Amino acid sequence: MPGPAAIFDWDGVVVDSSAAHEQAWQRLAAAEGLPLAPGSFLRGFGKRNEVIIPEIHGWATDPAEIRRLSLAKEAFYRELAGGGLITLLPGVKELLGALARVGVPCVIGTSTHRPNLRLAFERFGLEHYFVGAVSSEDVTRGKPDPEVFLKACALAKGDIARSVVFEDTLAGIAAAKAGGFRAVALCTTNSSAIMEKSGADAVVADLSEVSVELALPGLA
């Protein structure tokens, strides 16, 4: 019988990568001579590049051009992240260790690209905590569609009704709830006032405030 699984979004949940992502968009815009609207970074944070480029930046609609710009942006990101512009957020390893001790598999469900995960795995020694990952390359529909979390839960062989998603964006919380998951909102990207209205089952500052009992009530 499937048991609970813990599904972690990546940027803003496990790693603080916002500065690297924002500067990567700025570098791409400068390199391509493209405009960046005020506030566009926060509106797009946590969404797939395939949504950000045409719908938020308005840079392209041709799939091939969107892909070219997307890959260029991620290359800028990894250059910045590899230079030290990402950090591990508080409480990550402690919670992953606590979940491992009670036998809850942990899996990643994210809009980021797989090479970005590998970079952070190597930098912070995280890979052994996770049974796998579902990333941007593995889905066709971005959040608030629940596809990424449903696939992540299946990868962990979890029971949706008994599993939890950790997210930091409104689109991510909406995706978790649409998929039938318990959702824990982190106030690492948006304010507590915003995340309190997200529909999450619990709202915390970051993972340092999360116990196994809060994540999965009745399990600990």
C-alpha atoms as a PDB file:
ATOM      1  CA  MET A   1       0.000   0.000   0.000  1.00  0.00           C
ATOM      2  CA  PRO A   2       1.470   3.396  -0.938  1.00  0.00           C
ATOM      3  CA  GLY A   3       2.559   5.577   1.947  1.00  0.00           C
ATOM      4  CA  PRO A   4       3.242   9.284   2.341  1.00  0.00           C
ATOM      5  CA  ALA A   5       5.854  11.108   0.293  1.00  0.00           C
ATOM      6  CA  ALA A   6       7.415  14.544   0.765  1.00  0.00           C
ATOM      7  CA  ILE A   7       7.655  16.608  -2.422  1.00  0.00           C
ATOM      8  CA  PHE A   8       9.983  19.587  -2.477  1.00  0.00           C
ATOM      9  CA  ASP A   9       9.908  22.444  -4.915  1.00  0.00           C
ATOM     10  CA  TRP A  10      13.484  23.617  -5.453  1.00  0.00           C
ATOM     11  CA  ASP A  11      14.115  27.350  -5.919  1.00  0.00           C
ATOM     12  CA  GLY A  12      12.992  29.228  -2.830  1.00  0.00           C
ATOM     13  CA  VAL A  13      12.396  26.004  -0.883  1.00  0.00           C
ATOM     14  CA  VAL A  14      15.691  24.104  -0.872  1.00  0.00           C
ATOM     15  CA  VAL A  15      18.039  26.742  -2.278  1.00  0.00           C
ATOM     16  CA  ASP A  16      18.038  30.530  -2.268  1.00  0.00           C
ATOM     17  CA  SER A  17      18.691  31.075  -5.941  1.00  0.00           C
ATOM     18  CA  SER A  18      16.644  34.206  -6.586  1.00  0.00           C
ATOM     19  CA  ALA A  19      19.636  36.520  -7.100  1.00  0.00           C
ATOM     20  CA  ALA A  20      21.218  34.122  -9.599  1.00  0.00           C
ATOM     21  CA  HIS A  21      17.969  33.719 -11.547  1.00  0.00           C
ATOM     22  CA  GLU A  22      17.238  37.439 -11.575  1.00  0.00           C
ATOM     23  CA  GLN A  23      20.734  38.335 -12.740  1.00  0.00           C
ATOM     24  CA  ALA A  24      20.570  35.587 -15.387  1.00  0.00           C
ATOM     25  CA  TRP A  25      17.422  37.169 -16.855  1.00  0.00           C
ATOM     26  CA  GLN A  26      19.121  40.573 -16.760  1.00  0.00           C
ATOM     27  CA  ARG A  27      22.199  39.227 -18.557  1.00  0.00           C
ATOM     28  CA  LEU A  28      20.067  37.552 -21.197  1.00  0.00           C
ATOM     29  CA  ALA A  29      18.035  40.702 -21.779  1.00  0.00           C
ATOM     30  CA  ALA A  30      21.199  42.758 -22.140  1.00  0.00           C
ATOM     31  CA  ALA A  31      22.840  40.229 -24.466  1.00  0.00           C
ATOM     32  CA  GLU A  32      19.771  40.011 -26.705  1.00  0.00           C
ATOM     33  CA  GLY A  33      18.725  43.665 -26.514  1.00  0.00           C
ATOM     34  CA  LEU A  34      15.359  42.736 -25.025  1.00  0.00           C
ATOM     35  CA  PRO A  35      13.242  44.724 -22.540  1.00  0.00           C
ATOM     36  CA  LEU A  36      12.578  43.669 -18.945  1.00  0.00           C
ATOM     37  CA  ALA A  37       9.356  45.022 -17.460  1.00  0.00           C
ATOM     38  CA  PRO A  38       9.415  46.127 -13.801  1.00  0.00           C
ATOM     39  CA  GLY A  39       8.262  43.326 -11.505  1.00  0.00           C
ATOM     40  CA  SER A  40       8.538  40.662 -14.180  1.00  0.00           C
ATOM     41  CA  PHE A  41      11.017  38.581 -12.204  1.00  0.00           C
ATOM     42  CA  LEU A  42       8.738  38.053  -9.217  1.00  0.00           C
ATOM     43  CA  ARG A  43       5.727  37.394 -11.449  1.00  0.00           C
ATOM     44  CA  GLY A  44       7.637  34.647 -13.205  1.00  0.00           C
ATOM     45  CA  PHE A  45       9.461  33.106 -10.244  1.00  0.00           C
ATOM     46  CA  GLY A  46       8.654  29.410  -9.975  1.00  0.00           C
ATOM     47  CA  LYS A  47       7.170  29.191 -13.465  1.00  0.00           C
ATOM     48  CA  ARG A  48       8.629  27.429 -16.494  1.00  0.00           C
ATOM     49  CA  ASN A  49      10.664  29.458 -18.983  1.00  0.00           C
ATOM     50  CA  GLU A  50       8.165  28.347 -21.621  1.00  0.00           C
ATOM     51  CA  VAL A  51       5.608  30.498 -19.794  1.00  0.00           C
ATOM     52  CA  ILE A  52       7.893  33.324 -18.660  1.00  0.00           C
ATOM     53  CA  ILE A  53       9.402  34.133 -22.063  1.00  0.00           C
ATOM     54  CA  PRO A  54       6.198  34.501 -24.102  1.00  0.00           C
ATOM     55  CA  GLU A  55       3.638  35.472 -21.457  1.00  0.00           C
ATOM     56  CA  ILE A  56       5.567  37.582 -18.928  1.00  0.00           C
ATOM     57  CA  HIS A  57       8.490  39.011 -20.925  1.00  0.00           C
ATOM     58  CA  GLY A  58       6.719  38.923 -24.302  1.00  0.00           C
ATOM     59  CA  TRP A  59       9.985  38.110 -26.039  1.00  0.00           C
ATOM     60  CA  ALA A  60       8.979  35.301 -28.392  1.00  0.00           C
ATOM     61  CA  THR A  61       6.180  32.953 -29.386  1.00  0.00           C
ATOM     62  CA  ASP A  62       8.055  30.603 -31.720  1.00  0.00           C
ATOM     63  CA  PRO A  63       8.866  27.387 -29.797  1.00  0.00           C
ATOM     64  CA  ALA A  64      12.376  27.151 -31.225  1.00  0.00           C
ATOM     65  CA  GLU A  65      13.176  30.732 -30.241  1.00  0.00           C
ATOM     66  CA  ILE A  66      11.680  30.238 -26.784  1.00  0.00           C
ATOM     67  CA  ARG A  67      13.888  27.182 -26.322  1.00  0.00           C
ATOM     68  CA  ARG A  68      16.987  29.059 -27.493  1.00  0.00           C
ATOM     69  CA  LEU A  69      16.368  31.908 -25.067  1.00  0.00           C
ATOM     70  CA  SER A  70      15.529  29.478 -22.275  1.00  0.00           C
ATOM     71  CA  LEU A  71      18.760  27.515 -22.657  1.00  0.00           C
ATOM     72  CA  ALA A  72      20.786  30.731 -22.840  1.00  0.00           C
ATOM     73  CA  LYS A  73      19.195  32.019 -19.640  1.00  0.00           C
ATOM     74  CA  GLU A  74      19.919  28.751 -17.804  1.00  0.00           C
ATOM     75  CA  ALA A  75      23.542  28.846 -18.946  1.00  0.00           C
ATOM     76  CA  PHE A  76      23.859  32.332 -17.440  1.00  0.00           C
ATOM     77  CA  TYR A  77      22.210  31.014 -14.261  1.00  0.00           C
ATOM     78  CA  ARG A  78      24.662  28.131 -13.850  1.00  0.00           C
ATOM     79  CA  GLU A  79      27.592  30.476 -14.410  1.00  0.00           C
ATOM     80  CA  LEU A  80      26.326  32.698 -11.602  1.00  0.00           C
ATOM     81  CA  ALA A  81      25.314  29.832  -9.319  1.00  0.00           C
ATOM     82  CA  GLY A  82      28.637  28.080  -9.841  1.00  0.00           C
ATOM     83  CA  GLY A  83      30.328  31.288  -8.765  1.00  0.00           C
ATOM     84  CA  GLY A  84      28.632  31.071  -5.380  1.00  0.00           C
ATOM     85  CA  LEU A  85      25.429  33.045  -5.929  1.00  0.00           C
ATOM     86  CA  ILE A  86      23.194  30.348  -4.433  1.00  0.00           C
ATOM     87  CA  THR A  87      22.898  29.235  -0.811  1.00  0.00           C
ATOM     88  CA  LEU A  88      21.153  26.430   1.020  1.00  0.00           C
ATOM     89  CA  LEU A  89      18.066  27.637   2.856  1.00  0.00           C
ATOM     90  CA  PRO A  90      17.673  27.067   6.619  1.00  0.00           C
ATOM     91  CA  GLY A  91      16.431  23.718   7.889  1.00  0.00           C
ATOM     92  CA  VAL A  92      16.777  21.782   4.636  1.00  0.00           C
ATOM     93  CA  LYS A  93      19.132  18.998   5.710  1.00  0.00           C
ATOM     94  CA  GLU A  94      17.553  18.756   9.161  1.00  0.00           C
ATOM     95  CA  LEU A  95      14.082  18.135   7.736  1.00  0.00           C
ATOM     96  CA  LEU A  96      15.334  15.769   5.042  1.00  0.00           C
ATOM     97  CA  GLY A  97      17.152  13.775   7.719  1.00  0.00           C
ATOM     98  CA  ALA A  98      14.089  13.679   9.975  1.00  0.00           C
ATOM     99  CA  LEU A  99      11.881  12.442   7.144  1.00  0.00           C
ATOM    100  CA  ALA A 100      14.436   9.767   6.242  1.00  0.00           C
ATOM    101  CA  ARG A 101      14.456   8.528   9.839  1.00  0.00           C
ATOM    102  CA  VAL A 102      10.704   7.869   9.746  1.00  0.00           C
ATOM    103  CA  GLY A 103      10.891   6.269   6.289  1.00  0.00           C
ATOM    104  CA  VAL A 104       9.236   9.007   4.214  1.00  0.00           C
ATOM    105  CA  PRO A 105      10.716   9.199   0.698  1.00  0.00           C
ATOM    106  CA  CYS A 106      11.626  12.699  -0.469  1.00  0.00           C
ATOM    107  CA  VAL A 107      11.394  13.759  -4.105  1.00  0.00           C
ATOM    108  CA  ILE A 108      11.826  17.005  -6.052  1.00  0.00           C
ATOM    109  CA  GLY A 109       9.087  18.561  -8.166  1.00  0.00           C
ATOM    110  CA  THR A 110      10.345  21.743  -9.788  1.00  0.00           C
ATOM    111  CA  SER A 111      10.132  24.138 -12.717  1.00  0.00           C
ATOM    112  CA  THR A 112      13.918  24.437 -12.804  1.00  0.00           C
ATOM    113  CA  HIS A 113      16.123  22.560 -15.259  1.00  0.00           C
ATOM    114  CA  ARG A 114      17.857  19.292 -14.386  1.00  0.00           C
ATOM    115  CA  PRO A 115      21.431  20.610 -14.858  1.00  0.00           C
ATOM    116  CA  ASN A 116      20.630  23.268 -12.244  1.00  0.00           C
ATOM    117  CA  LEU A 117      19.721  20.514  -9.796  1.00  0.00           C
ATOM    118  CA  ARG A 118      22.964  18.668 -10.490  1.00  0.00           C
ATOM    119  CA  LEU A 119      24.978  21.818  -9.809  1.00  0.00           C
ATOM    120  CA  ALA A 120      23.333  22.275  -6.399  1.00  0.00           C
ATOM    121  CA  PHE A 121      23.566  18.547  -5.582  1.00  0.00           C
ATOM    122  CA  GLU A 122      27.311  18.731  -6.029  1.00  0.00           C
ATOM    123  CA  ARG A 123      27.673  22.031  -4.199  1.00  0.00           C
ATOM    124  CA  PHE A 124      25.643  21.076  -1.130  1.00  0.00           C
ATOM    125  CA  GLY A 125      25.792  17.253  -1.035  1.00  0.00           C
ATOM    126  CA  LEU A 126      22.029  16.783  -1.334  1.00  0.00           C
ATOM    127  CA  GLU A 127      21.449  14.064  -3.914  1.00  0.00           C
ATOM    128  CA  HIS A 128      21.374  11.124  -1.476  1.00  0.00           C
ATOM    129  CA  TYR A 129      18.400  12.624   0.361  1.00  0.00           C
ATOM    130  CA  PHE A 130      16.089  12.294  -2.664  1.00  0.00           C
ATOM    131  CA  VAL A 131      14.694   9.266  -4.468  1.00  0.00           C
ATOM    132  CA  GLY A 132      14.549  11.294  -7.666  1.00  0.00           C
ATOM    133  CA  ALA A 133      13.361  14.484  -9.308  1.00  0.00           C
ATOM    134  CA  VAL A 134      10.790  15.703 -11.796  1.00  0.00           C
ATOM    135  CA  SER A 135      12.054  18.873 -13.460  1.00  0.00           C
ATOM    136  CA  SER A 136      11.013  21.269 -16.212  1.00  0.00           C
ATOM    137  CA  GLU A 137      12.137  18.862 -18.930  1.00  0.00           C
ATOM    138  CA  ASP A 138       9.747  16.174 -17.636  1.00  0.00           C
ATOM    139  CA  VAL A 139       6.461  18.079 -17.879  1.00  0.00           C
ATOM    140  CA  THR A 140       4.425  19.833 -20.541  1.00  0.00           C
ATOM    141  CA  ARG A 141       2.212  21.895 -18.231  1.00  0.00           C
ATOM    142  CA  GLY A 142       3.621  24.297 -15.651  1.00  0.00           C
ATOM    143  CA  LYS A 143       2.213  25.284 -12.282  1.00  0.00           C
ATOM    144  CA  PRO A 144      -0.565  25.925 -11.278  1.00  0.00           C
ATOM    145  CA  ASP A 145      -1.200  22.682 -13.175  1.00  0.00           C
ATOM    146  CA  PRO A 146      -0.376  19.820 -10.764  1.00  0.00           C
ATOM    147  CA  GLU A 147       1.443  17.682 -13.372  1.00  0.00           C
ATOM    148  CA  VAL A 148       4.909  18.114 -11.815  1.00  0.00           C
ATOM    149  CA  PHE A 149       3.729  17.108  -8.334  1.00  0.00           C
ATOM    150  CA  LEU A 150       1.634  14.181  -9.549  1.00  0.00           C
ATOM    151  CA  LYS A 151       4.634  12.811 -11.450  1.00  0.00           C
ATOM    152  CA  ALA A 152       6.927  13.399  -8.473  1.00  0.00           C
ATOM    153  CA  CYS A 153       4.563  11.566  -6.142  1.00  0.00           C
ATOM    154  CA  ALA A 154       4.352   8.641  -8.562  1.00  0.00           C
ATOM    155  CA  LEU A 155       8.153   8.570  -8.759  1.00  0.00           C
ATOM    156  CA  ALA A 156       8.295   8.258  -4.963  1.00  0.00           C
ATOM    157  CA  LYS A 157       5.497   5.647  -5.019  1.00  0.00           C
ATOM    158  CA  GLY A 158       3.509   7.862  -2.676  1.00  0.00           C
ATOM    159  CA  ASP A 159      -0.184   8.128  -1.882  1.00  0.00           C
ATOM    160  CA  ILE A 160      -1.364  11.588  -2.970  1.00  0.00           C
ATOM    161  CA  ALA A 161      -3.868  11.911  -0.130  1.00  0.00           C
ATOM    162  CA  ARG A 162      -1.119  11.176   2.436  1.00  0.00           C
ATOM    163  CA  SER A 163       1.669  13.230   0.859  1.00  0.00           C
ATOM    164  CA  VAL A 164       2.880  16.802   1.339  1.00  0.00           C
ATOM    165  CA  VAL A 165       4.253  19.480  -1.001  1.00  0.00           C
ATOM    166  CA  PHE A 166       6.607  22.258   0.130  1.00  0.00           C
ATOM    167  CA  GLU A 167       6.237  25.421  -1.983  1.00  0.00           C
ATOM    168  CA  ASP A 168       7.071  29.123  -1.912  1.00  0.00           C
ATOM    169  CA  THR A 169       4.826  30.559  -4.642  1.00  0.00           C
ATOM    170  CA  LEU A 170       1.109  31.032  -5.125  1.00  0.00           C
ATOM    171  CA  ALA A 171       1.182  29.053  -8.368  1.00  0.00           C
ATOM    172  CA  GLY A 172       2.973  26.216  -6.586  1.00  0.00           C
ATOM    173  CA  ILE A 173       0.480  26.075  -3.721  1.00  0.00           C
ATOM    174  CA  ALA A 174      -2.390  26.164  -6.231  1.00  0.00           C
ATOM    175  CA  ALA A 175      -0.781  23.244  -8.091  1.00  0.00           C
ATOM    176  CA  ALA A 176      -0.366  21.244  -4.895  1.00  0.00           C
ATOM    177  CA  LYS A 177      -3.973  21.756  -3.838  1.00  0.00           C
ATOM    178  CA  ALA A 178      -5.251  21.036  -7.363  1.00  0.00           C
ATOM    179  CA  GLY A 179      -3.401  17.726  -7.204  1.00  0.00           C
ATOM    180  CA  GLY A 180      -4.952  16.750  -3.868  1.00  0.00           C
ATOM    181  CA  PHE A 181      -1.850  17.193  -1.691  1.00  0.00           C
ATOM    182  CA  ARG A 182      -1.292  18.712   1.717  1.00  0.00           C
ATOM    183  CA  ALA A 183       0.567  21.966   1.067  1.00  0.00           C
ATOM    184  CA  VAL A 184       3.066  23.774   3.274  1.00  0.00           C
ATOM    185  CA  ALA A 185       3.826  27.342   2.172  1.00  0.00           C
ATOM    186  CA  LEU A 186       7.215  28.963   2.804  1.00  0.00           C
ATOM    187  CA  CYS A 187       7.593  32.738   3.074  1.00  0.00           C
ATOM    188  CA  THR A 188      10.989  32.803   1.390  1.00  0.00           C
ATOM    189  CA  THR A 189       9.843  34.452  -1.843  1.00  0.00           C
ATOM    190  CA  ASN A 190       6.577  36.140  -0.880  1.00  0.00           C
ATOM    191  CA  SER A 191       5.501  37.744   2.379  1.00  0.00           C
ATOM    192  CA  SER A 192       3.547  35.899   5.048  1.00  0.00           C
ATOM    193  CA  ALA A 193       0.568  38.177   4.300  1.00  0.00           C
ATOM    194  CA  ILE A 194       0.540  36.886   0.724  1.00  0.00           C
ATOM    195  CA  MET A 195       1.144  33.232   1.568  1.00  0.00           C
ATOM    196  CA  GLU A 196      -1.499  33.216   4.305  1.00  0.00           C
ATOM    197  CA  LYS A 197      -4.018  33.753   1.501  1.00  0.00           C
ATOM    198  CA  SER A 198      -2.598  30.994  -0.702  1.00  0.00           C
ATOM    199  CA  GLY A 199      -4.860  28.202   0.520  1.00  0.00           C
ATOM    200  CA  ALA A 200      -1.937  26.285   2.042  1.00  0.00           C
ATOM    201  CA  ASP A 201      -2.560  23.950   4.969  1.00  0.00           C
ATOM    202  CA  ALA A 202       0.326  25.517   6.913  1.00  0.00           C
ATOM    203  CA  VAL A 203       2.463  28.629   6.461  1.00  0.00           C
ATOM    204  CA  VAL A 204       6.043  28.873   7.794  1.00  0.00           C
ATOM    205  CA  ALA A 205       9.026  31.168   7.357  1.00  0.00           C
ATOM    206  CA  ASP A 206      11.220  28.378   5.956  1.00  0.00           C
ATOM    207  CA  LEU A 207      11.930  24.673   6.445  1.00  0.00           C
ATOM    208  CA  SER A 208      13.622  25.291   9.810  1.00  0.00           C
ATOM    209  CA  GLU A 209      10.091  25.706  11.227  1.00  0.00           C
ATOM    210  CA  VAL A 210       8.863  22.386   9.823  1.00  0.00           C
ATOM    211  CA  SER A 211       8.738  19.207  11.913  1.00  0.00           C
ATOM    212  CA  VAL A 212       7.632  15.794  10.669  1.00  0.00           C
ATOM    213  CA  GLU A 213       4.398  16.290  12.614  1.00  0.00           C
ATOM    214  CA  LEU A 214       3.673  19.604  10.924  1.00  0.00           C
ATOM    215  CA  ALA A 215       4.517  18.215   7.501  1.00  0.00           C
ATOM    216  CA  LEU A 216       2.566  14.996   7.917  1.00  0.00           C
ATOM    217  CA  PRO A 217       0.215  15.204  10.934  1.00  0.00           C
ATOM    218  CA  GLY A 218      -0.192  11.931  12.779  1.00  0.00           C
ATOM    219  CA  LEU A 219       2.891  10.296  11.271  1.00  0.00           C
ATOM    220  CA  ALA A 220       5.554  11.245  13.832  1.00  0.00           C
END
